[in-house]
């Protein structure tokens, strides 16, 4: 059985995430910043995905955000440049 997600945020990290959740320009950053403190509060990844966000997500989305946070910290909230779809037609 997989282990439960645990996160130990410092006060500074929690303040940074709460600030990003409230004021960041990009909606995906606000959503990721909203999910992580709930995991720190003891919510399961599945419960956060189902009930803890504005729109229901798959649990894998929350797990990816969690593991990215573990690996890269605050920089994990942003999507890397160059990801996504390429233009099909270049003028």
N, C-alpha and C. Protein backbone atom coordinates (compact mmCIF):
# COMPACT_ATOMS: atom_id res chain seq x y z
N UNK A 1 0.84 -1.18 0.00
CA UNK A 1 0.00 0.00 0.00
C UNK A 1 0.89 1.24 0.00
N UNK A 2 0.59 2.23 -0.85
CA UNK A 2 1.41 3.43 -0.90
C UNK A 2 1.29 4.24 0.39
N UNK A 3 2.34 4.94 0.71
CA UNK A 3 2.32 5.75 1.93
C UNK A 3 1.53 7.04 1.68
N UNK A 4 0.99 7.59 2.74
CA UNK A 4 0.22 8.83 2.66
C UNK A 4 1.16 10.00 2.38
N UNK A 5 0.63 11.01 1.71
CA UNK A 5 1.42 12.21 1.45
C UNK A 5 1.59 12.98 2.75
N UNK A 6 2.81 13.35 3.04
CA UNK A 6 3.07 14.19 4.20
C UNK A 6 3.94 15.35 3.76
N UNK A 7 3.68 16.48 4.32
CA UNK A 7 4.41 17.68 3.97
C UNK A 7 4.62 18.47 5.24
N UNK A 8 5.81 18.97 5.44
CA UNK A 8 6.11 19.78 6.61
C UNK A 8 6.54 21.16 6.14
N UNK A 9 5.56 22.04 5.99
CA UNK A 9 5.84 23.40 5.53
C UNK A 9 6.29 24.27 6.69
N UNK A 10 7.28 25.09 6.44
CA UNK A 10 7.67 26.09 7.43
C UNK A 10 6.68 27.24 7.36
N UNK A 11 6.74 28.12 8.34
CA UNK A 11 5.84 29.28 8.34
C UNK A 11 6.08 30.16 7.12
N UNK A 12 7.33 30.32 6.73
CA UNK A 12 7.65 31.14 5.56
C UNK A 12 7.12 30.51 4.28
N UNK A 13 7.25 29.19 4.15
CA UNK A 13 6.74 28.50 2.96
C UNK A 13 5.22 28.61 2.90
N UNK A 14 4.57 28.45 4.04
CA UNK A 14 3.10 28.53 4.07
C UNK A 14 2.64 29.94 3.70
N UNK A 15 3.33 30.96 4.21
CA UNK A 15 2.98 32.34 3.86
C UNK A 15 3.18 32.58 2.37
N UNK A 16 4.27 32.05 1.81
CA UNK A 16 4.54 32.21 0.38
C UNK A 16 3.45 31.54 -0.45
N UNK A 17 3.05 30.34 -0.07
CA UNK A 17 1.99 29.63 -0.80
C UNK A 17 0.65 30.35 -0.67
N UNK A 18 0.33 30.85 0.51
CA UNK A 18 -0.94 31.57 0.70
C UNK A 18 -0.94 32.86 -0.10
N UNK A 19 0.20 33.53 -0.17
CA UNK A 19 0.30 34.75 -0.97
C UNK A 19 0.14 34.43 -2.45
N UNK A 20 0.77 33.35 -2.92
CA UNK A 20 0.64 32.95 -4.33
C UNK A 20 -0.79 32.52 -4.63
N UNK A 21 -1.43 31.86 -3.69
CA UNK A 21 -2.82 31.43 -3.87
C UNK A 21 -3.76 32.62 -4.04
N UNK A 22 -3.48 33.71 -3.34
CA UNK A 22 -4.35 34.87 -3.39
C UNK A 22 -4.04 35.84 -4.52
N UNK A 23 -2.74 35.99 -4.88
CA UNK A 23 -2.37 37.12 -5.72
C UNK A 23 -1.65 36.80 -7.02
N UNK A 24 -1.35 35.56 -7.30
CA UNK A 24 -0.55 35.28 -8.50
C UNK A 24 -1.38 35.49 -9.77
N UNK A 25 -0.69 35.90 -10.85
CA UNK A 25 -1.36 36.18 -12.13
C UNK A 25 -1.88 34.93 -12.81
N UNK A 26 -1.18 33.82 -12.69
CA UNK A 26 -1.52 32.59 -13.40
C UNK A 26 -2.46 31.72 -12.56
N UNK A 27 -3.59 31.30 -13.13
CA UNK A 27 -4.54 30.48 -12.37
C UNK A 27 -3.97 29.12 -11.96
N UNK A 28 -3.13 28.50 -12.80
CA UNK A 28 -2.59 27.19 -12.43
C UNK A 28 -1.66 27.29 -11.24
N UNK A 29 -0.96 28.41 -11.09
CA UNK A 29 -0.09 28.60 -9.92
C UNK A 29 -0.96 28.77 -8.67
N UNK A 30 -2.05 29.51 -8.78
CA UNK A 30 -2.96 29.68 -7.64
C UNK A 30 -3.53 28.34 -7.20
N UNK A 31 -3.87 27.48 -8.17
CA UNK A 31 -4.44 26.18 -7.83
C UNK A 31 -3.41 25.28 -7.15
N UNK A 32 -2.20 25.24 -7.67
CA UNK A 32 -1.16 24.42 -7.05
C UNK A 32 -0.81 24.94 -5.66
N UNK A 33 -0.79 26.26 -5.51
CA UNK A 33 -0.48 26.84 -4.21
C UNK A 33 -1.60 26.58 -3.20
N UNK A 34 -2.82 26.37 -3.67
CA UNK A 34 -3.93 26.07 -2.77
C UNK A 34 -3.90 24.62 -2.31
N UNK A 35 -3.39 23.72 -3.14
CA UNK A 35 -3.42 22.30 -2.82
C UNK A 35 -2.38 21.92 -1.76
N UNK A 36 -1.21 22.51 -1.82
CA UNK A 36 -0.12 22.06 -0.95
C UNK A 36 -0.37 22.31 0.54
N UNK A 37 -0.89 23.47 0.97
CA UNK A 37 -1.16 23.61 2.41
C UNK A 37 -2.21 22.63 2.93
N UNK A 38 -3.12 22.21 2.08
CA UNK A 38 -4.13 21.24 2.52
C UNK A 38 -3.49 19.88 2.77
N UNK A 39 -2.50 19.52 1.97
CA UNK A 39 -1.77 18.28 2.22
C UNK A 39 -1.01 18.41 3.54
N UNK A 40 -0.45 19.59 3.79
CA UNK A 40 0.26 19.83 5.05
C UNK A 40 -0.69 19.74 6.24
N UNK A 41 -1.96 20.09 6.04
CA UNK A 41 -2.96 20.01 7.11
C UNK A 41 -3.48 18.59 7.34
N UNK A 42 -3.04 17.63 6.52
CA UNK A 42 -3.41 16.24 6.74
C UNK A 42 -4.41 15.68 5.75
N UNK A 43 -4.82 16.46 4.77
CA UNK A 43 -5.73 15.95 3.75
C UNK A 43 -5.00 14.95 2.87
N UNK A 44 -5.70 13.96 2.37
CA UNK A 44 -5.10 13.03 1.41
C UNK A 44 -5.10 13.69 0.03
N UNK A 45 -4.21 13.20 -0.84
CA UNK A 45 -4.16 13.74 -2.19
C UNK A 45 -5.46 13.55 -2.94
N UNK A 46 -6.10 12.41 -2.70
CA UNK A 46 -7.38 12.13 -3.35
C UNK A 46 -8.47 13.09 -2.88
N UNK A 47 -8.50 13.40 -1.58
CA UNK A 47 -9.51 14.31 -1.04
C UNK A 47 -9.27 15.73 -1.55
N UNK A 48 -8.02 16.15 -1.62
CA UNK A 48 -7.71 17.48 -2.15
C UNK A 48 -8.18 17.58 -3.59
N UNK A 49 -7.89 16.54 -4.39
CA UNK A 49 -8.28 16.55 -5.80
C UNK A 49 -9.80 16.56 -5.96
N UNK A 50 -10.49 15.85 -5.10
CA UNK A 50 -11.95 15.72 -5.23
C UNK A 50 -12.69 16.92 -4.65
N UNK A 51 -12.26 17.40 -3.48
CA UNK A 51 -13.04 18.40 -2.75
C UNK A 51 -12.30 19.70 -2.44
N UNK A 52 -10.99 19.70 -2.50
CA UNK A 52 -10.24 20.83 -1.96
C UNK A 52 -9.92 21.94 -2.94
N UNK A 53 -10.20 21.75 -4.21
CA UNK A 53 -9.89 22.77 -5.20
C UNK A 53 -11.17 23.32 -5.80
N UNK A 54 -11.05 24.42 -6.50
CA UNK A 54 -12.23 25.05 -7.08
C UNK A 54 -12.93 24.12 -8.06
N UNK A 55 -12.12 23.40 -8.85
CA UNK A 55 -12.65 22.44 -9.81
C UNK A 55 -12.06 21.07 -9.48
N UNK A 56 -12.86 20.04 -9.59
CA UNK A 56 -12.39 18.69 -9.30
C UNK A 56 -11.29 18.28 -10.28
N UNK A 57 -10.25 17.66 -9.77
CA UNK A 57 -9.12 17.22 -10.57
C UNK A 57 -8.89 15.73 -10.34
N UNK A 58 -8.04 15.14 -11.17
CA UNK A 58 -7.64 13.76 -10.92
C UNK A 58 -6.59 13.77 -9.81
N UNK A 59 -6.53 12.73 -9.01
CA UNK A 59 -5.53 12.70 -7.95
C UNK A 59 -4.09 12.79 -8.48
N UNK A 60 -3.85 12.28 -9.67
CA UNK A 60 -2.50 12.36 -10.22
C UNK A 60 -2.02 13.79 -10.39
N UNK A 61 -2.93 14.71 -10.64
CA UNK A 61 -2.56 16.12 -10.76
C UNK A 61 -2.01 16.64 -9.43
N UNK A 62 -2.67 16.29 -8.35
CA UNK A 62 -2.22 16.72 -7.03
C UNK A 62 -0.92 16.02 -6.66
N UNK A 63 -0.81 14.73 -6.98
CA UNK A 63 0.42 14.00 -6.68
C UNK A 63 1.60 14.58 -7.43
N UNK A 64 1.39 14.98 -8.67
CA UNK A 64 2.47 15.59 -9.45
C UNK A 64 2.91 16.91 -8.83
N UNK A 65 1.96 17.73 -8.42
CA UNK A 65 2.30 18.99 -7.76
C UNK A 65 3.07 18.75 -6.47
N UNK A 66 2.65 17.75 -5.72
CA UNK A 66 3.32 17.40 -4.46
C UNK A 66 4.77 16.97 -4.71
N UNK A 67 4.97 16.06 -5.66
CA UNK A 67 6.32 15.57 -5.92
C UNK A 67 7.21 16.65 -6.54
N UNK A 68 6.64 17.51 -7.36
CA UNK A 68 7.41 18.63 -7.89
C UNK A 68 7.84 19.57 -6.77
N UNK A 69 6.94 19.80 -5.81
CA UNK A 69 7.29 20.65 -4.66
C UNK A 69 8.43 20.02 -3.86
N UNK A 70 8.36 18.72 -3.65
CA UNK A 70 9.41 18.02 -2.90
C UNK A 70 10.76 18.15 -3.61
N UNK A 71 10.75 18.12 -4.95
CA UNK A 71 12.00 18.15 -5.71
C UNK A 71 12.54 19.56 -5.93
N UNK A 72 11.64 20.54 -6.17
CA UNK A 72 12.10 21.85 -6.63
C UNK A 72 11.65 23.03 -5.77
N UNK A 73 10.81 22.82 -4.80
CA UNK A 73 10.36 23.91 -3.95
C UNK A 73 9.42 24.86 -4.67
N UNK A 74 9.53 26.14 -4.37
CA UNK A 74 8.60 27.14 -4.91
C UNK A 74 8.68 27.24 -6.43
N UNK A 75 9.80 26.92 -7.01
CA UNK A 75 9.94 26.97 -8.48
C UNK A 75 9.04 25.94 -9.17
N UNK A 76 8.58 24.94 -8.45
CA UNK A 76 7.75 23.88 -9.03
C UNK A 76 6.35 24.36 -9.36
N UNK A 77 5.95 25.52 -8.84
CA UNK A 77 4.60 26.01 -9.11
C UNK A 77 4.44 26.49 -10.55
N UNK A 78 5.54 26.84 -11.19
CA UNK A 78 5.49 27.38 -12.55
C UNK A 78 5.75 26.29 -13.58
N UNK A 79 5.06 26.39 -14.71
CA UNK A 79 5.30 25.47 -15.82
C UNK A 79 6.51 25.97 -16.59
N UNK A 80 7.37 25.06 -16.99
CA UNK A 80 8.59 25.43 -17.71
C UNK A 80 8.26 26.03 -19.07
N UNK A 81 9.08 26.97 -19.50
CA UNK A 81 8.91 27.56 -20.82
C UNK A 81 9.10 26.49 -21.89
N UNK A 82 8.32 26.59 -22.95
CA UNK A 82 8.47 25.65 -24.06
C UNK A 82 7.60 24.43 -23.96
N UNK A 83 6.90 24.25 -22.85
CA UNK A 83 5.99 23.12 -22.73
C UNK A 83 4.67 23.46 -23.37
N UNK A 84 3.94 22.49 -23.80
CA UNK A 84 2.64 22.72 -24.41
C UNK A 84 2.66 22.41 -25.89
N UNK A 85 1.64 22.86 -26.56
CA UNK A 85 1.50 22.56 -27.98
C UNK A 85 2.35 23.50 -28.83
N UNK A 86 2.90 22.96 -29.90
CA UNK A 86 3.64 23.76 -30.85
C UNK A 86 2.64 24.35 -31.85
N UNK A 87 2.97 25.48 -32.41
CA UNK A 87 2.12 26.07 -33.43
C UNK A 87 2.08 25.17 -34.66
N UNK A 88 0.91 24.95 -35.19
CA UNK A 88 0.77 24.09 -36.37
C UNK A 88 1.15 24.84 -37.63
N UNK A 89 1.01 26.13 -37.60
CA UNK A 89 1.32 26.92 -38.79
C UNK A 89 2.14 28.11 -38.35
N UNK A 90 3.24 28.33 -39.02
CA UNK A 90 4.09 29.47 -38.71
C UNK A 90 4.06 30.43 -39.91
N UNK A 91 3.63 31.65 -39.71
CA UNK A 91 3.50 32.57 -40.84
C UNK A 91 4.79 32.97 -41.48
